[in-house]
C-alpha atoms as a PDB file:
ATOM      1  CA  MET A   1     -55.261   1.613 -30.415  1.00  0.00           C
ATOM      2  CA  CYS A   2     -55.007   3.875 -27.374  1.00  0.00           C
ATOM      3  CA  GLY A   3     -53.832   2.023 -24.235  1.00  0.00           C
ATOM      4  CA  GLN A   4     -52.440  -0.953 -26.137  1.00  0.00           C
ATOM      5  CA  GLY A   5     -48.717  -1.744 -26.513  1.00  0.00           C
ATOM      6  CA  GLY A   6     -45.850  -3.180 -24.501  1.00  0.00           C
ATOM      7  CA  ALA A   7     -42.077  -3.276 -24.108  1.00  0.00           C
ATOM      8  CA  SER A   8     -40.087  -5.287 -26.619  1.00  0.00           C
ATOM      9  CA  ALA A   9     -36.454  -5.663 -27.631  1.00  0.00           C
ATOM     10  CA  SER A  10     -35.235  -5.815 -31.201  1.00  0.00           C
ATOM     11  CA  ARG A  11     -31.815  -6.487 -32.606  1.00  0.00           C
ATOM     12  CA  ALA A  12     -30.121  -4.715 -35.469  1.00  0.00           C
ATOM     13  CA  GLU A  13     -26.696  -5.410 -36.865  1.00  0.00           C
ATOM     14  CA  ASN A  14     -23.990  -4.342 -34.353  1.00  0.00           C
ATOM     15  CA  SER A  15     -26.632  -2.606 -32.211  1.00  0.00           C
ATOM     16  CA  VAL A  16     -28.895  -3.413 -29.309  1.00  0.00           C
ATOM     17  CA  THR A  17     -32.047  -1.337 -28.775  1.00  0.00           C
ATOM     18  CA  VAL A  18     -34.765  -1.260 -26.168  1.00  0.00           C
ATOM     19  CA  GLU A  19     -38.267   0.084 -26.850  1.00  0.00           C
ATOM     20  CA  VAL A  20     -39.594   2.132 -23.955  1.00  0.00           C
ATOM     21  CA  ILE A  21     -43.308   3.012 -23.719  1.00  0.00           C
ATOM     22  CA  ILE A  22     -44.182   6.570 -22.738  1.00  0.00           C
ATOM     23  CA  LEU A  23     -47.579   6.427 -21.019  1.00  0.00           C
ATOM     24  CA  PRO A  24     -50.302   8.340 -22.880  1.00  0.00           C
ATOM     25  CA  SER A  25     -51.446  11.711 -21.687  1.00  0.00           C
ATOM     26  CA  LYS A  26     -54.749  13.414 -22.525  1.00  0.00           C
ATOM     27  CA  LYS A  27     -56.024  10.665 -24.840  1.00  0.00           C
ATOM     28  CA  LYS A  28     -52.774  10.485 -26.817  1.00  0.00           C
ATOM     29  CA  CYS A  29     -51.598   7.055 -27.756  1.00  0.00           C
ATOM     30  CA  GLY A  30     -48.353   5.756 -26.280  1.00  0.00           C
ATOM     31  CA  GLU A  31     -45.191   6.611 -28.206  1.00  0.00           C
ATOM     32  CA  THR A  32     -42.221   4.276 -28.657  1.00  0.00           C
ATOM     33  CA  VAL A  33     -38.696   5.674 -28.082  1.00  0.00           C
ATOM     34  CA  LYS A  34     -35.673   3.629 -29.118  1.00  0.00           C
ATOM     35  CA  ILE A  35     -32.606   3.910 -26.887  1.00  0.00           C
ATOM     36  CA  ASN A  36     -29.266   2.647 -28.212  1.00  0.00           C
ATOM     37  CA  LEU A  37     -27.408   0.928 -25.364  1.00  0.00           C
ATOM     38  CA  ARG A  38     -24.065   1.468 -27.095  1.00  0.00           C
ATOM     39  CA  ASN A  39     -24.612   5.241 -26.938  1.00  0.00           C
ATOM     40  CA  ILE A  40     -25.454   4.969 -23.228  1.00  0.00           C
ATOM     41  CA  ILE A  41     -22.240   3.031 -22.529  1.00  0.00           C
ATOM     42  CA  THR A  42     -20.227   5.557 -24.538  1.00  0.00           C
ATOM     43  CA  GLY A  43     -21.726   8.403 -22.527  1.00  0.00           C
ATOM     44  CA  LEU A  44     -20.951   6.658 -19.241  1.00  0.00           C
ATOM     45  CA  ASN A  45     -17.348   6.069 -20.312  1.00  0.00           C
ATOM     46  CA  ARG A  46     -16.962   9.734 -21.183  1.00  0.00           C
ATOM     47  CA  PHE A  47     -18.314  10.725 -17.776  1.00  0.00           C
ATOM     48  CA  ILE A  48     -15.934   8.312 -16.026  1.00  0.00           C
ATOM     49  CA  GLY A  49     -13.017   9.767 -18.017  1.00  0.00           C
ATOM     50  CA  PHE A  50     -14.051  13.285 -17.083  1.00  0.00           C
ATOM     51  CA  TRP A  51     -14.328  12.330 -13.414  1.00  0.00           C
ATOM     52  CA  ARG A  52     -10.904  10.701 -13.380  1.00  0.00           C
ATOM     53  CA  ASP A  53      -9.405  13.775 -15.035  1.00  0.00           C
ATOM     54  CA  TYR A  54     -11.128  16.056 -12.518  1.00  0.00           C
ATOM     55  CA  THR A  55     -10.017  14.058  -9.477  1.00  0.00           C
ATOM     56  CA  GLY A  56      -6.512  13.851 -10.960  1.00  0.00           C
ATOM     57  CA  ARG A  57      -6.357  17.642 -11.170  1.00  0.00           C
ATOM     58  CA  LEU A  58      -7.514  17.858  -7.573  1.00  0.00           C
ATOM     59  CA  ALA A  59      -4.697  15.529  -6.515  1.00  0.00           C
ATOM     60  CA  MET A  60      -2.175  17.703  -8.370  1.00  0.00           C
ATOM     61  CA  ARG A  61      -3.324  20.898  -6.685  1.00  0.00           C
ATOM     62  CA  THR A  62      -0.939  22.907  -4.545  1.00  0.00           C
ATOM     63  CA  ARG A  63      -1.238  22.447  -0.814  1.00  0.00           C
ATOM     64  CA  TYR A  64       0.322  24.623   1.870  1.00  0.00           C
ATOM     65  CA  ILE A  65       1.568  23.867   5.357  1.00  0.00           C
ATOM     66  CA  GLN A  66       2.402  26.484   7.966  1.00  0.00           C
ATOM     67  CA  LEU A  67       5.935  26.410   9.332  1.00  0.00           C
ATOM     68  CA  LYS A  68       7.115  28.669  12.138  1.00  0.00           C
ATOM     69  CA  ASP A  69       7.844  31.607   9.827  1.00  0.00           C
ATOM     70  CA  MET A  70       6.424  30.753   6.401  1.00  0.00           C
ATOM     71  CA  LYS A  71       3.955  28.723   4.361  1.00  0.00           C
ATOM     72  CA  LEU A  72       5.599  25.945   2.418  1.00  0.00           C
ATOM     73  CA  ALA A  73       3.930  24.728  -0.792  1.00  0.00           C
ATOM     74  CA  TYR A  74       3.845  21.041  -1.677  1.00  0.00           C
ATOM     75  CA  ARG A  75       2.042  18.391  -3.696  1.00  0.00           C
ATOM     76  CA  ARG A  76       1.091  14.999  -2.308  1.00  0.00           C
ATOM     77  CA  MET A  77      -0.165  12.112  -4.417  1.00  0.00           C
ATOM     78  CA  GLY A  78      -0.690   8.367  -4.316  1.00  0.00           C
ATOM     79  CA  SER A  79      -0.759   5.815  -1.525  1.00  0.00           C
ATOM     80  CA  GLY A  80       1.694   3.330  -0.088  1.00  0.00           C
ATOM     81  CA  LYS A  81       5.058   3.978   1.501  1.00  0.00           C
ATOM     82  CA  THR A  82       5.930   7.656   1.794  1.00  0.00           C
ATOM     83  CA  LEU A  83       8.539   9.005  -0.639  1.00  0.00           C
ATOM     84  CA  LEU A  84       9.846  12.549  -0.167  1.00  0.00           C
ATOM     85  CA  LEU A  85      11.161  14.289  -3.310  1.00  0.00           C
ATOM     86  CA  LEU A  86      13.519  17.293  -3.052  1.00  0.00           C
ATOM     87  CA  HIS A  87      14.196  19.449  -6.129  1.00  0.00           C
ATOM     88  CA  GLY A  88      17.327  21.357  -7.102  1.00  0.00           C
ATOM     89  CA  ASN A  89      18.415  24.996  -7.094  1.00  0.00           C
ATOM     90  CA  GLY A  90      16.061  27.466  -8.776  1.00  0.00           C
ATOM     91  CA  GLU A  91      13.537  24.717  -9.547  1.00  0.00           C
ATOM     92  CA  SER A  92      10.268  23.553  -8.039  1.00  0.00           C
ATOM     93  CA  ARG A  93       8.352  20.348  -7.293  1.00  0.00           C
ATOM     94  CA  ASP A  94       7.203  20.373 -10.940  1.00  0.00           C
ATOM     95  CA  ILE A  95      10.411  18.577 -11.953  1.00  0.00           C
ATOM     96  CA  PHE A  96       8.965  15.523 -10.172  1.00  0.00           C
ATOM     97  CA  THR A  97       5.636  15.468 -12.039  1.00  0.00           C
ATOM     98  CA  GLU A  98       6.484  12.200 -13.832  1.00  0.00           C
ATOM     99  CA  TYR A  99       7.768  10.706 -10.580  1.00  0.00           C
ATOM    100  CA  GLN A 100       4.426  11.383  -8.915  1.00  0.00           C
ATOM    101  CA  GLU A 101       2.157  10.523 -11.831  1.00  0.00           C
ATOM    102  CA  VAL A 102       4.043   7.626 -13.433  1.00  0.00           C
ATOM    103  CA  PHE A 103       7.384   6.375 -12.083  1.00  0.00           C
ATOM    104  CA  PHE A 104       6.429   6.168  -8.401  1.00  0.00           C
ATOM    105  CA  ALA A 105       2.631   6.275  -8.586  1.00  0.00           C
ATOM    106  CA  ASP A 106       2.549   3.287  -6.221  1.00  0.00           C
ATOM    107  CA  TYR A 107       4.075   5.418  -3.440  1.00  0.00           C
ATOM    108  CA  ASP A 108       2.698   8.198  -1.263  1.00  0.00           C
ATOM    109  CA  THR A 109       4.837  10.857  -2.943  1.00  0.00           C
ATOM    110  CA  VAL A 110       5.400  14.224  -1.275  1.00  0.00           C
ATOM    111  CA  ALA A 111       7.121  16.980  -3.269  1.00  0.00           C
ATOM    112  CA  PRO A 112       7.643  20.317  -1.475  1.00  0.00           C
ATOM    113  CA  ASP A 113       8.849  23.623  -2.886  1.00  0.00           C
ATOM    114  CA  SER A 114      11.874  24.749  -0.894  1.00  0.00           C
ATOM    115  CA  ARG A 115      11.861  28.201   0.677  1.00  0.00           C
ATOM    116  CA  CYS A 116      12.142  30.887  -2.035  1.00  0.00           C
ATOM    117  CA  HIS A 117      11.381  28.301  -4.724  1.00  0.00           C
ATOM    118  CA  GLY A 118       8.197  27.520  -6.659  1.00  0.00           C
ATOM    119  CA  GLU A 119       5.071  28.603  -4.804  1.00  0.00           C
ATOM    120  CA  SER A 120       6.665  28.723  -1.363  1.00  0.00           C
ATOM    121  CA  VAL A 121       7.079  32.153   0.186  1.00  0.00           C
ATOM    122  CA  PHE A 122      10.028  34.280  -0.875  1.00  0.00           C
ATOM    123  CA  ASP A 123      11.906  35.300   2.246  1.00  0.00           C
ATOM    124  CA  PRO A 124      14.911  37.614   1.745  1.00  0.00           C
ATOM    125  CA  CYS A 125      16.740  36.100   4.725  1.00  0.00           C
ATOM    126  CA  PRO A 126      20.090  34.400   4.031  1.00  0.00           C
ATOM    127  CA  LEU A 127      19.742  30.888   2.621  1.00  0.00           C
ATOM    128  CA  THR A 128      21.977  27.924   3.364  1.00  0.00           C
ATOM    129  CA  ILE A 129      21.614  24.232   2.596  1.00  0.00           C
ATOM    130  CA  GLU A 130      21.463  23.633   6.333  1.00  0.00           C
ATOM    131  CA  SER A 131      18.599  26.118   6.852  1.00  0.00           C
ATOM    132  CA  LEU A 132      16.672  24.533   3.963  1.00  0.00           C
ATOM    133  CA  SER A 133      17.110  21.148   5.627  1.00  0.00           C
ATOM    134  CA  ASP A 134      15.710  22.705   8.826  1.00  0.00           C
ATOM    135  CA  ASP A 135      12.599  23.654   6.832  1.00  0.00           C
ATOM    136  CA  ILE A 136      12.159  20.112   5.497  1.00  0.00           C
ATOM    137  CA  ALA A 137      12.599  18.575   8.952  1.00  0.00           C
ATOM    138  CA  GLU A 138       9.940  20.958  10.307  1.00  0.00           C
ATOM    139  CA  PHE A 139       7.726  20.213   7.309  1.00  0.00           C
ATOM    140  CA  CYS A 140       7.894  16.476   8.054  1.00  0.00           C
ATOM    141  CA  ARG A 141       6.834  17.075  11.655  1.00  0.00           C
ATOM    142  CA  ALA A 142       3.954  19.346  10.594  1.00  0.00           C
ATOM    143  CA  ALA A 143       2.793  16.903   7.881  1.00  0.00           C
ATOM    144  CA  GLY A 144       2.955  13.916  10.229  1.00  0.00           C
ATOM    145  CA  ILE A 145       5.674  12.153   8.230  1.00  0.00           C
ATOM    146  CA  GLU A 146       7.309   9.785  10.702  1.00  0.00           C
ATOM    147  CA  GLU A 147       8.979   7.424   8.223  1.00  0.00           C
ATOM    148  CA  ALA A 148       9.870   7.927   4.572  1.00  0.00           C
ATOM    149  CA  PHE A 149      12.205   7.204   1.718  1.00  0.00           C
ATOM    150  CA  LEU A 150      13.993  10.220   0.289  1.00  0.00           C
ATOM    151  CA  ILE A 151      15.181  11.171  -3.204  1.00  0.00           C
ATOM    152  CA  GLY A 152      17.128  14.409  -3.563  1.00  0.00           C
ATOM    153  CA  TYR A 153      18.340  15.931  -6.820  1.00  0.00           C
ATOM    154  CA  SER A 154      21.243  18.414  -7.087  1.00  0.00           C
ATOM    155  CA  ASP A 155      20.772  20.911  -4.209  1.00  0.00           C
ATOM    156  CA  GLY A 156      17.955  18.631  -3.059  1.00  0.00           C
ATOM    157  CA  ALA A 157      20.579  15.888  -2.708  1.00  0.00           C
ATOM    158  CA  ASN A 158      22.702  18.253  -0.608  1.00  0.00           C
ATOM    159  CA  ILE A 159      19.689  18.934   1.632  1.00  0.00           C
ATOM    160  CA  ALA A 160      19.168  15.162   1.838  1.00  0.00           C
ATOM    161  CA  LEU A 161      22.726  14.727   3.149  1.00  0.00           C
ATOM    162  CA  HIS A 162      21.952  17.103   6.023  1.00  0.00           C
ATOM    163  CA  LEU A 163      18.724  15.209   6.719  1.00  0.00           C
ATOM    164  CA  ALA A 164      20.609  11.911   6.742  1.00  0.00           C
ATOM    165  CA  LYS A 165      22.726  13.335   9.542  1.00  0.00           C
ATOM    166  CA  ARG A 166      19.976  14.929  11.587  1.00  0.00           C
ATOM    167  CA  ALA A 167      16.984  12.625  11.038  1.00  0.00           C
ATOM    168  CA  PRO A 168      18.056   9.042  10.254  1.00  0.00           C
ATOM    169  CA  HIS A 169      15.068   7.861  12.333  1.00  0.00           C
ATOM    170  CA  ILE A 170      12.742   9.275   9.646  1.00  0.00           C
ATOM    171  CA  PHE A 171      14.574   8.515   6.415  1.00  0.00           C
ATOM    172  CA  LYS A 172      15.082   4.784   5.972  1.00  0.00           C
ATOM    173  CA  ARG A 173      16.744   4.961   2.551  1.00  0.00           C
ATOM    174  CA  ILE A 174      18.210   8.027   0.846  1.00  0.00           C
ATOM    175  CA  ALA A 175      18.977   8.363  -2.870  1.00  0.00           C
ATOM    176  CA  LEU A 176      21.243  11.216  -3.963  1.00  0.00           C
ATOM    177  CA  ILE A 177      21.292  12.404  -7.572  1.00  0.00           C
ATOM    178  CA  SER A 178      24.309  14.577  -8.486  1.00  0.00           C
ATOM    179  CA  PRO A 179      25.194  16.038  -5.070  1.00  0.00           C
ATOM    180  CA  ASN A 180      28.217  18.145  -4.168  1.00  0.00           C
ATOM    181  CA  VAL A 181      29.613  18.946  -0.746  1.00  0.00           C
ATOM    182  CA  LEU A 182      32.241  21.514  -1.744  1.00  0.00           C
ATOM    183  CA  VAL A 183      32.140  24.390  -4.211  1.00  0.00           C
ATOM    184  CA  SER A 184      35.416  23.057  -5.570  1.00  0.00           C
ATOM    185  CA  GLY A 185      33.489  19.923  -6.547  1.00  0.00           C
ATOM    186  CA  PHE A 186      32.060  21.742  -9.575  1.00  0.00           C
ATOM    187  CA  LYS A 187      33.872  21.462 -12.876  1.00  0.00           C
ATOM    188  CA  PRO A 188      35.866  24.653 -13.681  1.00  0.00           C
ATOM    189  CA  ALA A 189      33.604  25.776 -16.556  1.00  0.00           C
ATOM    190  CA  THR A 190      30.481  25.452 -14.395  1.00  0.00           C
ATOM    191  CA  LEU A 191      32.101  27.316 -11.505  1.00  0.00           C
ATOM    192  CA  LEU A 192      33.233  30.126 -13.803  1.00  0.00           C
ATOM    193  CA  SER A 193      29.726  30.434 -15.254  1.00  0.00           C
ATOM    194  CA  MET A 194      28.165  30.783 -11.796  1.00  0.00           C
ATOM    195  CA  ARG A 195      30.690  33.405 -10.728  1.00  0.00           C
ATOM    196  CA  LEU A 196      30.062  35.420 -13.896  1.00  0.00           C
ATOM    197  CA  GLN A 197      26.323  35.215 -13.247  1.00  0.00           C
ATOM    198  CA  ARG A 198      26.840  36.522  -9.724  1.00  0.00           C
ATOM    199  CA  PHE A 199      28.911  39.427 -11.071  1.00  0.00           C
ATOM    200  CA  PHE A 200      26.199  40.259 -13.613  1.00  0.00           C
ATOM    201  CA  TRP A 201      23.350  40.194 -11.078  1.00  0.00           C
ATOM    202  CA  ARG A 202      25.289  42.272  -8.569  1.00  0.00           C
ATOM    203  CA  ALA A 203      25.760  44.872 -11.297  1.00  0.00           C
ATOM    204  CA  ALA A 204      22.047  44.701 -12.106  1.00  0.00           C
ATOM    205  CA  GLY A 205      21.297  45.257  -8.426  1.00  0.00           C
ATOM    206  CA  LEU A 206      23.428  48.417  -8.422  1.00  0.00           C
ATOM    207  CA  ALA A 207      21.300  49.590 -11.363  1.00  0.00           C
ATOM    208  CA  GLY A 208      18.178  49.339  -9.203  1.00  0.00           C
ATOM    209  CA  LEU A 209      16.798  45.904 -10.113  1.00  0.00           C
ATOM    210  CA  ASP A 210      15.552  43.596  -7.368  1.00  0.00           C
ATOM    211  CA  VAL A 211      17.998  40.730  -7.725  1.00  0.00           C
ATOM    212  CA  ARG A 212      17.920  39.434  -4.166  1.00  0.00           C
ATOM    213  CA  ARG A 213      16.373  36.079  -5.015  1.00  0.00           C
ATOM    214  CA  ARG A 214      18.819  35.383  -7.841  1.00  0.00           C
ATOM    215  CA  LEU A 215      21.814  36.242  -5.677  1.00  0.00           C
ATOM    216  CA  MET A 216      20.483  34.104  -2.830  1.00  0.00           C
ATOM    217  CA  LEU A 217      20.115  31.079  -5.106  1.00  0.00           C
ATOM    218  CA  LEU A 218      23.576  31.573  -6.577  1.00  0.00           C
ATOM    219  CA  GLY A 219      24.907  31.872  -3.048  1.00  0.00           C
ATOM    220  CA  LEU A 220      23.615  28.381  -2.277  1.00  0.00           C
ATOM    221  CA  MET A 221      25.792  26.971  -5.054  1.00  0.00           C
ATOM    222  CA  LEU A 222      28.833  29.151  -4.382  1.00  0.00           C
ATOM    223  CA  ASN A 223      29.228  28.054  -0.763  1.00  0.00           C
ATOM    224  CA  ASP A 224      30.155  24.694   0.738  1.00  0.00           C
ATOM    225  CA  ILE A 225      27.136  22.901   2.187  1.00  0.00           C
ATOM    226  CA  GLY A 226      28.526  22.659   5.713  1.00  0.00           C
ATOM    227  CA  LEU A 227      29.251  18.931   6.075  1.00  0.00           C
ATOM    228  CA  SER A 228      32.717  17.544   6.727  1.00  0.00           C
ATOM    229  CA  GLY A 229      34.211  14.189   5.820  1.00  0.00           C
ATOM    230  CA  GLU A 230      33.663  13.155   9.433  1.00  0.00           C
ATOM    231  CA  ASP A 231      29.970  14.073   9.135  1.00  0.00           C
ATOM    232  CA  LEU A 232      29.601  11.896   6.053  1.00  0.00           C
ATOM    233  CA  ALA A 233      31.430   9.032   7.717  1.00  0.00           C
ATOM    234  CA  SER A 234      28.985   9.154  10.643  1.00  0.00           C
ATOM    235  CA  LEU A 235      25.872   8.634   8.488  1.00  0.00           C
ATOM    236  CA  ASP A 236      23.945   5.527   9.461  1.00  0.00           C
ATOM    237  CA  VAL A 237      21.360   5.069   6.708  1.00  0.00           C
ATOM    238  CA  PRO A 238      21.510   3.206   3.360  1.00  0.00           C
ATOM    239  CA  VAL A 239      22.560   5.655   0.627  1.00  0.00           C
ATOM    240  CA  LEU A 240      22.553   5.350  -3.168  1.00  0.00           C
ATOM    241  CA  LEU A 241      24.449   7.962  -5.192  1.00  0.00           C
ATOM    242  CA  LEU A 242      23.659   8.450  -8.895  1.00  0.00           C
ATOM    243  CA  TYR A 243      25.559  10.824 -11.169  1.00  0.00           C
ATOM    244  CA  ALA A 244      25.576  11.678 -14.852  1.00  0.00           C
ATOM    245  CA  GLU A 245      28.201  10.689 -17.388  1.00  0.00           C
ATOM    246  CA  ARG A 246      28.486  14.382 -18.345  1.00  0.00           C
ATOM    247  CA  ASP A 247      27.721  15.918 -14.962  1.00  0.00           C
ATOM    248  CA  VAL A 248      28.612  19.431 -13.806  1.00  0.00           C
ATOM    249  CA  ILE A 249      30.168  17.793 -10.741  1.00  0.00           C
ATOM    250  CA  LYS A 250      33.671  16.341 -10.958  1.00  0.00           C
ATOM    251  CA  LYS A 251      33.709  12.559 -10.998  1.00  0.00           C
ATOM    252  CA  SER A 252      36.503  12.605  -8.436  1.00  0.00           C
ATOM    253  CA  HIS A 253      34.338  14.652  -6.064  1.00  0.00           C
ATOM    254  CA  ILE A 254      31.413  12.262  -6.492  1.00  0.00           C
ATOM    255  CA  GLU A 255      33.706   9.337  -5.722  1.00  0.00           C
ATOM    256  CA  ASP A 256      35.041  11.110  -2.612  1.00  0.00           C
ATOM    257  CA  ILE A 257      31.484  11.572  -1.315  1.00  0.00           C
ATOM    258  CA  ALA A 258      30.598   7.938  -1.982  1.00  0.00           C
ATOM    259  CA  LEU A 259      33.758   6.652  -0.305  1.00  0.00           C
ATOM    260  CA  SER A 260      33.111   8.829   2.759  1.00  0.00           C
ATOM    261  CA  ILE A 261      29.614   7.419   3.382  1.00  0.00           C
ATOM    262  CA  PRO A 262      29.624   3.896   4.875  1.00  0.00           C
ATOM    263  CA  GLY A 263      28.081   1.360   2.479  1.00  0.00           C
ATOM    264  CA  CYS A 264      27.231   3.965  -0.170  1.00  0.00           C
ATOM    265  CA  ARG A 265      26.936   2.653  -3.734  1.00  0.00           C
ATOM    266  CA  ALA A 266      27.740   5.068  -6.572  1.00  0.00           C
ATOM    267  CA  VAL A 267      26.363   4.478 -10.077  1.00  0.00           C
ATOM    268  CA  MET A 268      27.108   6.512 -13.198  1.00  0.00           C
ATOM    269  CA  ILE A 269      24.117   6.836 -15.551  1.00  0.00           C
ATOM    270  CA  GLU A 270      25.533   6.592 -19.054  1.00  0.00           C
ATOM    271  CA  GLY A 271      24.456   8.966 -21.805  1.00  0.00           C
ATOM    272  CA  THR A 272      23.094  11.613 -19.412  1.00  0.00           C
ATOM    273  CA  ASP A 273      24.074  15.078 -18.228  1.00  0.00           C
ATOM    274  CA  HIS A 274      23.193  16.930 -15.028  1.00  0.00           C
ATOM    275  CA  TYR A 275      19.763  17.859 -16.380  1.00  0.00           C
ATOM    276  CA  SER A 276      18.675  14.746 -18.289  1.00  0.00           C
ATOM    277  CA  ILE A 277      19.636  12.266 -15.583  1.00  0.00           C
ATOM    278  CA  LEU A 278      16.530  12.833 -13.469  1.00  0.00           C
ATOM    279  CA  ASN A 279      13.970  11.239 -15.801  1.00  0.00           C
ATOM    280  CA  ASP A 280      16.269   8.782 -17.551  1.00  0.00           C
ATOM    281  CA  ALA A 281      14.936   5.212 -17.547  1.00  0.00           C
ATOM    282  CA  ALA A 282      18.165   3.839 -16.061  1.00  0.00           C
ATOM    283  CA  THR A 283      17.922   6.332 -13.205  1.00  0.00           C
ATOM    284  CA  VAL A 284      14.350   5.351 -12.426  1.00  0.00           C
ATOM    285  CA  ASN A 285      15.226   1.647 -12.552  1.00  0.00           C
ATOM    286  CA  GLU A 286      18.142   2.121 -10.147  1.00  0.00           C
ATOM    287  CA  LEU A 287      15.958   4.132  -7.769  1.00  0.00           C
ATOM    288  CA  ARG A 288      13.168   1.567  -7.744  1.00  0.00           C
ATOM    289  CA  ARG A 289      15.597  -1.296  -7.110  1.00  0.00           C
ATOM    290  CA  PHE A 290      17.184   0.640  -4.245  1.00  0.00           C
ATOM    291  CA  LEU A 291      13.892   1.582  -2.583  1.00  0.00           C
ATOM    292  CA  THR A 292      12.530  -1.954  -2.748  1.00  0.00           C
ATOM    293  CA  GLY A 293      15.792  -3.559  -1.664  1.00  0.00           C
END
């Protein structure tokens, strides 16, 4: 009968439903619509998953900060103590994606692209490890980073050594992964390969190709980084040095670096090479122990 009815709940196997009355309009009797609560919960969970994915993509977006002569690209994620991540030659902050999303998600991770790398501006001025460390020091000032831990990989580790000398008040603990101070620290086969690459790209440049960036990056590896044994001995910050079992750096050179830095602990990561060491579980475990120590 028109105008009669009410709300009631009925149970079915593995399902909960609610009857909702739609008020009659123009002499029509009320209609009963059954809403499955399980479907509502499923829809809400899908929305929550979408929102988390969306906000995660926002966190992973590229940010830029203006330095005196360039815009430097970086990605910042997480919360907690600040952890600066410096990539190697010819790479970008993307090599630290797992560090930011998984391994060190409980830190405020900051991963910049060095000058002429990744999404940072290409500047055809001469590059040195020291000038790249100048950029990172300026970046820290511009980003308001007053205290941080630091992990540097390959050329990023070489930059970290310069920062240990110039800014020990900022970097409380520094982890180096496969650094080298001297060109002679490379194994002969690696050094020969880099010199052949330089020869090839110089020839390509004579043929009219724009090879400036490639030659600049090779130049970073084919020059000493500008720190002496006395410089290393003057460092006053806790340092951990990790290197691969099959590294491109001579073990003797790694040991010389470690012995030159007061209190430095050197650890070889078994079963790794220069490229696989970064995301190896043993590497991550050593880094976490060092940063929390």
